[in-house]
Amino acid sequence: MAPRVDFLNLAAIFWLLLSSFIPPVEAYDGGDALALLLGTVLAVVGLCACLGWYFLILLKSTE
């Protein structure tokens, strides 16, 4: 029987795969860290907003 992969494990594997394509940076300062953190937060909030909108539409269509 094959092991069951849940969503968090799949997301972690996908994140590690994508982060392996990023080349290392020699000059990494506070501005770069802030931009990376802000981009990550905005991407997560956008993904959650899209998922919430999708499930709201899905819920309304089943009623």
PDB file of N, CA and C in Angstrom:
ATOM      1  N   MET A   1       0.846  -1.173   0.000  1.00  0.00           N
ATOM      2  CA  MET A   1       0.000   0.000   0.000  1.00  0.00           C
ATOM      3  C   MET A   1       0.896   1.242   0.000  1.00  0.00           C
ATOM      4  N   ALA A   2       0.592   2.184  -0.861  1.00  0.00           N
ATOM      5  CA  ALA A   2       1.381   3.407  -0.965  1.00  0.00           C
ATOM      6  C   ALA A   2       1.069   4.337   0.207  1.00  0.00           C
ATOM      7  N   PRO A   3       2.075   5.079   0.694  1.00  0.00           N
ATOM      8  CA  PRO A   3       1.806   6.016   1.792  1.00  0.00           C
ATOM      9  C   PRO A   3       0.944   7.174   1.311  1.00  0.00           C
ATOM     10  N   ARG A   4       0.114   7.664   2.208  1.00  0.00           N
ATOM     11  CA  ARG A   4      -0.780   8.774   1.879  1.00  0.00           C
ATOM     12  C   ARG A   4      -0.056  10.091   2.149  1.00  0.00           C
ATOM     13  N   VAL A   5      -0.040  10.966   1.170  1.00  0.00           N
ATOM     14  CA  VAL A   5       0.625  12.259   1.297  1.00  0.00           C
ATOM     15  C   VAL A   5      -0.443  13.317   1.530  1.00  0.00           C
ATOM     16  N   ASP A   6      -0.379  13.994   2.675  1.00  0.00           N
ATOM     17  CA  ASP A   6      -1.373  15.031   2.942  1.00  0.00           C
ATOM     18  C   ASP A   6      -0.928  16.361   2.325  1.00  0.00           C
ATOM     19  N   PHE A   7      -1.783  17.354   2.428  1.00  0.00           N
ATOM     20  CA  PHE A   7      -1.558  18.631   1.751  1.00  0.00           C
ATOM     21  C   PHE A   7      -0.319  19.349   2.280  1.00  0.00           C
ATOM     22  N   LEU A   8      -0.084  19.327   3.598  1.00  0.00           N
ATOM     23  CA  LEU A   8       1.058  20.056   4.152  1.00  0.00           C
ATOM     24  C   LEU A   8       2.377  19.444   3.711  1.00  0.00           C
ATOM     25  N   ASN A   9       2.447  18.123   3.665  1.00  0.00           N
ATOM     26  CA  ASN A   9       3.670  17.486   3.188  1.00  0.00           C
ATOM     27  C   ASN A   9       3.896  17.792   1.710  1.00  0.00           C
ATOM     28  N   LEU A  10       2.831  17.768   0.938  1.00  0.00           N
ATOM     29  CA  LEU A  10       2.947  18.079  -0.482  1.00  0.00           C
ATOM     30  C   LEU A  10       3.377  19.527  -0.686  1.00  0.00           C
ATOM     31  N   ALA A  11       2.828  20.449   0.109  1.00  0.00           N
ATOM     32  CA  ALA A  11       3.212  21.857   0.008  1.00  0.00           C
ATOM     33  C   ALA A  11       4.677  22.052   0.407  1.00  0.00           C
ATOM     34  N   ALA A  12       5.132  21.341   1.426  1.00  0.00           N
ATOM     35  CA  ALA A  12       6.525  21.453   1.852  1.00  0.00           C
ATOM     36  C   ALA A  12       7.472  20.914   0.780  1.00  0.00           C
ATOM     37  N   ILE A  13       7.112  19.814   0.170  1.00  0.00           N
ATOM     38  CA  ILE A  13       7.938  19.248  -0.899  1.00  0.00           C
ATOM     39  C   ILE A  13       7.981  20.199  -2.088  1.00  0.00           C
ATOM     40  N   PHE A  14       6.830  20.776  -2.447  1.00  0.00           N
ATOM     41  CA  PHE A  14       6.768  21.715  -3.566  1.00  0.00           C
ATOM     42  C   PHE A  14       7.591  22.963  -3.269  1.00  0.00           C
ATOM     43  N   TRP A  15       7.527  23.473  -2.026  1.00  0.00           N
ATOM     44  CA  TRP A  15       8.301  24.652  -1.645  1.00  0.00           C
ATOM     45  C   TRP A  15       9.799  24.361  -1.709  1.00  0.00           C
ATOM     46  N   LEU A  16      10.216  23.192  -1.232  1.00  0.00           N
ATOM     47  CA  LEU A  16      11.633  22.836  -1.298  1.00  0.00           C
ATOM     48  C   LEU A  16      12.100  22.695  -2.740  1.00  0.00           C
ATOM     49  N   LEU A  17      11.246  22.145  -3.583  1.00  0.00           N
ATOM     50  CA  LEU A  17      11.596  22.012  -4.995  1.00  0.00           C
ATOM     51  C   LEU A  17      11.765  23.383  -5.642  1.00  0.00           C
ATOM     52  N   LEU A  18      10.828  24.293  -5.389  1.00  0.00           N
ATOM     53  CA  LEU A  18      10.930  25.628  -5.974  1.00  0.00           C
ATOM     54  C   LEU A  18      12.107  26.416  -5.405  1.00  0.00           C
ATOM     55  N   SER A  19      12.374  26.260  -4.116  1.00  0.00           N
ATOM     56  CA  SER A  19      13.477  27.013  -3.518  1.00  0.00           C
ATOM     57  C   SER A  19      14.836  26.496  -3.975  1.00  0.00           C
ATOM     58  N   SER A  20      14.889  25.282  -4.495  1.00  0.00           N
ATOM     59  CA  SER A  20      16.162  24.771  -4.990  1.00  0.00           C
ATOM     60  C   SER A  20      16.554  25.419  -6.316  1.00  0.00           C
ATOM     61  N   PHE A  21      15.614  26.053  -7.014  1.00  0.00           N
ATOM     62  CA  PHE A  21      15.919  26.719  -8.274  1.00  0.00           C
ATOM     63  C   PHE A  21      16.420  28.142  -8.078  1.00  0.00           C
ATOM     64  N   ILE A  22      16.343  28.678  -6.862  1.00  0.00           N
ATOM     65  CA  ILE A  22      16.778  30.045  -6.589  1.00  0.00           C
ATOM     66  C   ILE A  22      18.297  30.047  -6.425  1.00  0.00           C
ATOM     67  N   PRO A  23      18.998  30.849  -7.207  1.00  0.00           N
ATOM     68  CA  PRO A  23      20.458  30.881  -7.067  1.00  0.00           C
ATOM     69  C   PRO A  23      20.865  31.593  -5.772  1.00  0.00           C
ATOM     70  N   PRO A  24      21.981  31.208  -5.180  1.00  0.00           N
ATOM     71  CA  PRO A  24      22.426  31.880  -3.952  1.00  0.00           C
ATOM     72  C   PRO A  24      22.828  33.332  -4.242  1.00  0.00           C
ATOM     73  N   VAL A  25      22.655  34.173  -3.247  1.00  0.00           N
ATOM     74  CA  VAL A  25      22.920  35.601  -3.399  1.00  0.00           C
ATOM     75  C   VAL A  25      24.111  35.970  -2.530  1.00  0.00           C
ATOM     76  N   GLU A  26      25.033  36.743  -3.089  1.00  0.00           N
ATOM     77  CA  GLU A  26      26.203  37.138  -2.319  1.00  0.00           C
ATOM     78  C   GLU A  26      25.939  38.375  -1.462  1.00  0.00           C
ATOM     79  N   ALA A  27      25.195  39.342  -1.969  1.00  0.00           N
ATOM     80  CA  ALA A  27      24.913  40.570  -1.226  1.00  0.00           C
ATOM     81  C   ALA A  27      23.442  40.563  -0.817  1.00  0.00           C
ATOM     82  N   TYR A  28      23.191  40.116   0.381  1.00  0.00           N
ATOM     83  CA  TYR A  28      21.818  39.985   0.875  1.00  0.00           C
ATOM     84  C   TYR A  28      21.685  40.888   2.089  1.00  0.00           C
ATOM     85  N   ASP A  29      20.967  41.994   1.949  1.00  0.00           N
ATOM     86  CA  ASP A  29      20.859  42.936   3.060  1.00  0.00           C
ATOM     87  C   ASP A  29      19.434  42.978   3.605  1.00  0.00           C
ATOM     88  N   GLY A  30      19.174  43.919   4.478  1.00  0.00           N
ATOM     89  CA  GLY A  30      17.871  44.021   5.131  1.00  0.00           C
ATOM     90  C   GLY A  30      16.737  44.333   4.177  1.00  0.00           C
ATOM     91  N   GLY A  31      17.003  45.123   3.153  1.00  0.00           N
ATOM     92  CA  GLY A  31      15.971  45.442   2.174  1.00  0.00           C
ATOM     93  C   GLY A  31      15.527  44.218   1.393  1.00  0.00           C
ATOM     94  N   ASP A  32      16.490  43.373   1.049  1.00  0.00           N
ATOM     95  CA  ASP A  32      16.143  42.134   0.346  1.00  0.00           C
ATOM     96  C   ASP A  32      15.317  41.215   1.239  1.00  0.00           C
ATOM     97  N   ALA A  33      15.689  41.132   2.506  1.00  0.00           N
ATOM     98  CA  ALA A  33      14.941  40.277   3.434  1.00  0.00           C
ATOM     99  C   ALA A  33      13.522  40.795   3.620  1.00  0.00           C
ATOM    100  N   LEU A  34      13.377  42.107   3.721  1.00  0.00           N
ATOM    101  CA  LEU A  34      12.050  42.701   3.873  1.00  0.00           C
ATOM    102  C   LEU A  34      11.202  42.478   2.622  1.00  0.00           C
ATOM    103  N   ALA A  35      11.797  42.621   1.456  1.00  0.00           N
ATOM    104  CA  ALA A  35      11.063  42.395   0.206  1.00  0.00           C
ATOM    105  C   ALA A  35      10.639  40.934   0.086  1.00  0.00           C
ATOM    106  N   LEU A  36      11.514  40.023   0.467  1.00  0.00           N
ATOM    107  CA  LEU A  36      11.177  38.599   0.424  1.00  0.00           C
ATOM    108  C   LEU A  36      10.053  38.280   1.402  1.00  0.00           C
ATOM    109  N   LEU A  37      10.126  38.822   2.602  1.00  0.00           N
ATOM    110  CA  LEU A  37       9.088  38.589   3.603  1.00  0.00           C
ATOM    111  C   LEU A  37       7.757  39.189   3.163  1.00  0.00           C
ATOM    112  N   LEU A  38       7.782  40.399   2.638  1.00  0.00           N
ATOM    113  CA  LEU A  38       6.554  41.042   2.170  1.00  0.00           C
ATOM    114  C   LEU A  38       5.947  40.285   0.989  1.00  0.00           C
ATOM    115  N   GLY A  39       6.777  39.842   0.071  1.00  0.00           N
ATOM    116  CA  GLY A  39       6.284  39.063  -1.060  1.00  0.00           C
ATOM    117  C   GLY A  39       5.670  37.752  -0.630  1.00  0.00           C
ATOM    118  N   THR A  40       6.286  37.094   0.350  1.00  0.00           N
ATOM    119  CA  THR A  40       5.748  35.833   0.853  1.00  0.00           C
ATOM    120  C   THR A  40       4.404  36.050   1.537  1.00  0.00           C
ATOM    121  N   VAL A  41       4.316  37.079   2.360  1.00  0.00           N
ATOM    122  CA  VAL A  41       3.059  37.371   3.060  1.00  0.00           C
ATOM    123  C   VAL A  41       1.955  37.709   2.064  1.00  0.00           C
ATOM    124  N   LEU A  42       2.258  38.529   1.074  1.00  0.00           N
ATOM    125  CA  LEU A  42       1.253  38.888   0.072  1.00  0.00           C
ATOM    126  C   LEU A  42       0.822  37.682  -0.754  1.00  0.00           C
ATOM    127  N   ALA A  43       1.750  36.798  -1.062  1.00  0.00           N
ATOM    128  CA  ALA A  43       1.397  35.601  -1.825  1.00  0.00           C
ATOM    129  C   ALA A  43       0.484  34.684  -1.016  1.00  0.00           C
ATOM    130  N   VAL A  44       0.762  34.519   0.271  1.00  0.00           N
ATOM    131  CA  VAL A  44      -0.067  33.657   1.120  1.00  0.00           C
ATOM    132  C   VAL A  44      -1.452  34.272   1.306  1.00  0.00           C
ATOM    133  N   VAL A  45      -1.512  35.572   1.543  1.00  0.00           N
ATOM    134  CA  VAL A  45      -2.812  36.238   1.702  1.00  0.00           C
ATOM    135  C   VAL A  45      -3.612  36.158   0.405  1.00  0.00           C
ATOM    136  N   GLY A  46      -2.966  36.356  -0.722  1.00  0.00           N
ATOM    137  CA  GLY A  46      -3.651  36.244  -2.010  1.00  0.00           C
ATOM    138  C   GLY A  46      -4.158  34.844  -2.273  1.00  0.00           C
ATOM    139  N   LEU A  47      -3.361  33.841  -1.943  1.00  0.00           N
ATOM    140  CA  LEU A  47      -3.787  32.454  -2.115  1.00  0.00           C
ATOM    141  C   LEU A  47      -4.979  32.143  -1.222  1.00  0.00           C
ATOM    142  N   CYS A  48      -4.934  32.590   0.030  1.00  0.00           N
ATOM    143  CA  CYS A  48      -6.065  32.354   0.939  1.00  0.00           C
ATOM    144  C   CYS A  48      -7.320  33.078   0.461  1.00  0.00           C
ATOM    145  N   ALA A  49      -7.168  34.286  -0.074  1.00  0.00           N
ATOM    146  CA  ALA A  49      -8.320  35.026  -0.589  1.00  0.00           C
ATOM    147  C   ALA A  49      -8.932  34.316  -1.787  1.00  0.00           C
ATOM    148  N   CYS A  50      -8.104  33.813  -2.670  1.00  0.00           N
ATOM    149  CA  CYS A  50      -8.617  33.089  -3.841  1.00  0.00           C
ATOM    150  C   CYS A  50      -9.300  31.793  -3.430  1.00  0.00           C
ATOM    151  N   LEU A  51      -8.720  31.076  -2.482  1.00  0.00           N
ATOM    152  CA  LEU A  51      -9.355  29.840  -2.012  1.00  0.00           C
ATOM    153  C   LEU A  51     -10.673  30.129  -1.310  1.00  0.00           C
ATOM    154  N   GLY A  52     -10.720  31.198  -0.522  1.00  0.00           N
ATOM    155  CA  GLY A  52     -11.964  31.567   0.145  1.00  0.00           C
ATOM    156  C   GLY A  52     -13.042  31.954  -0.839  1.00  0.00           C
ATOM    157  N   TRP A  53     -12.672  32.710  -1.871  1.00  0.00           N
ATOM    158  CA  TRP A  53     -13.633  33.093  -2.902  1.00  0.00           C
ATOM    159  C   TRP A  53     -14.137  31.862  -3.647  1.00  0.00           C
ATOM    160  N   TYR A  54     -13.227  30.932  -3.965  1.00  0.00           N
ATOM    161  CA  TYR A  54     -13.612  29.721  -4.686  1.00  0.00           C
ATOM    162  C   TYR A  54     -14.582  28.881  -3.851  1.00  0.00           C
ATOM    163  N   PHE A  55     -14.279  28.689  -2.578  1.00  0.00           N
ATOM    164  CA  PHE A  55     -15.154  27.871  -1.739  1.00  0.00           C
ATOM    165  C   PHE A  55     -16.480  28.571  -1.450  1.00  0.00           C
ATOM    166  N   LEU A  56     -16.487  29.895  -1.427  1.00  0.00           N
ATOM    167  CA  LEU A  56     -17.744  30.625  -1.270  1.00  0.00           C
ATOM    168  C   LEU A  56     -18.638  30.412  -2.491  1.00  0.00           C
ATOM    169  N   ILE A  57     -18.060  30.505  -3.674  1.00  0.00           N
ATOM    170  CA  ILE A  57     -18.814  30.254  -4.907  1.00  0.00           C
ATOM    171  C   ILE A  57     -19.282  28.804  -4.945  1.00  0.00           C
ATOM    172  N   LEU A  58     -18.423  27.876  -4.538  1.00  0.00           N
ATOM    173  CA  LEU A  58     -18.773  26.456  -4.521  1.00  0.00           C
ATOM    174  C   LEU A  58     -19.902  26.190  -3.532  1.00  0.00           C
ATOM    175  N   LEU A  59     -19.869  26.838  -2.382  1.00  0.00           N
ATOM    176  CA  LEU A  59     -20.908  26.661  -1.369  1.00  0.00           C
ATOM    177  C   LEU A  59     -22.241  27.231  -1.844  1.00  0.00           C
ATOM    178  N   LYS A  60     -22.205  28.392  -2.506  1.00  0.00           N
ATOM    179  CA  LYS A  60     -23.441  28.995  -3.010  1.00  0.00           C
ATOM    180  C   LYS A  60     -24.058  28.163  -4.128  1.00  0.00           C
ATOM    181  N   SER A  61     -23.230  27.479  -4.919  1.00  0.00           N
ATOM    182  CA  SER A  61     -23.765  26.693  -6.030  1.00  0.00           C
ATOM    183  C   SER A  61     -24.398  25.390  -5.555  1.00  0.00           C
ATOM    184  N   THR A  62     -24.052  24.919  -4.357  1.00  0.00           N
ATOM    185  CA  THR A  62     -24.641  23.676  -3.844  1.00  0.00           C
ATOM    186  C   THR A  62     -25.945  23.923  -3.106  1.00  0.00           C
ATOM    187  N   GLU A  63     -26.246  25.170  -2.788  1.00  0.00           N
ATOM    188  CA  GLU A  63     -27.481  25.475  -2.047  1.00  0.00           C
ATOM    189  C   GLU A  63     -28.682  25.514  -2.951  1.00  0.00           C
TER     190      GLU A  63
END
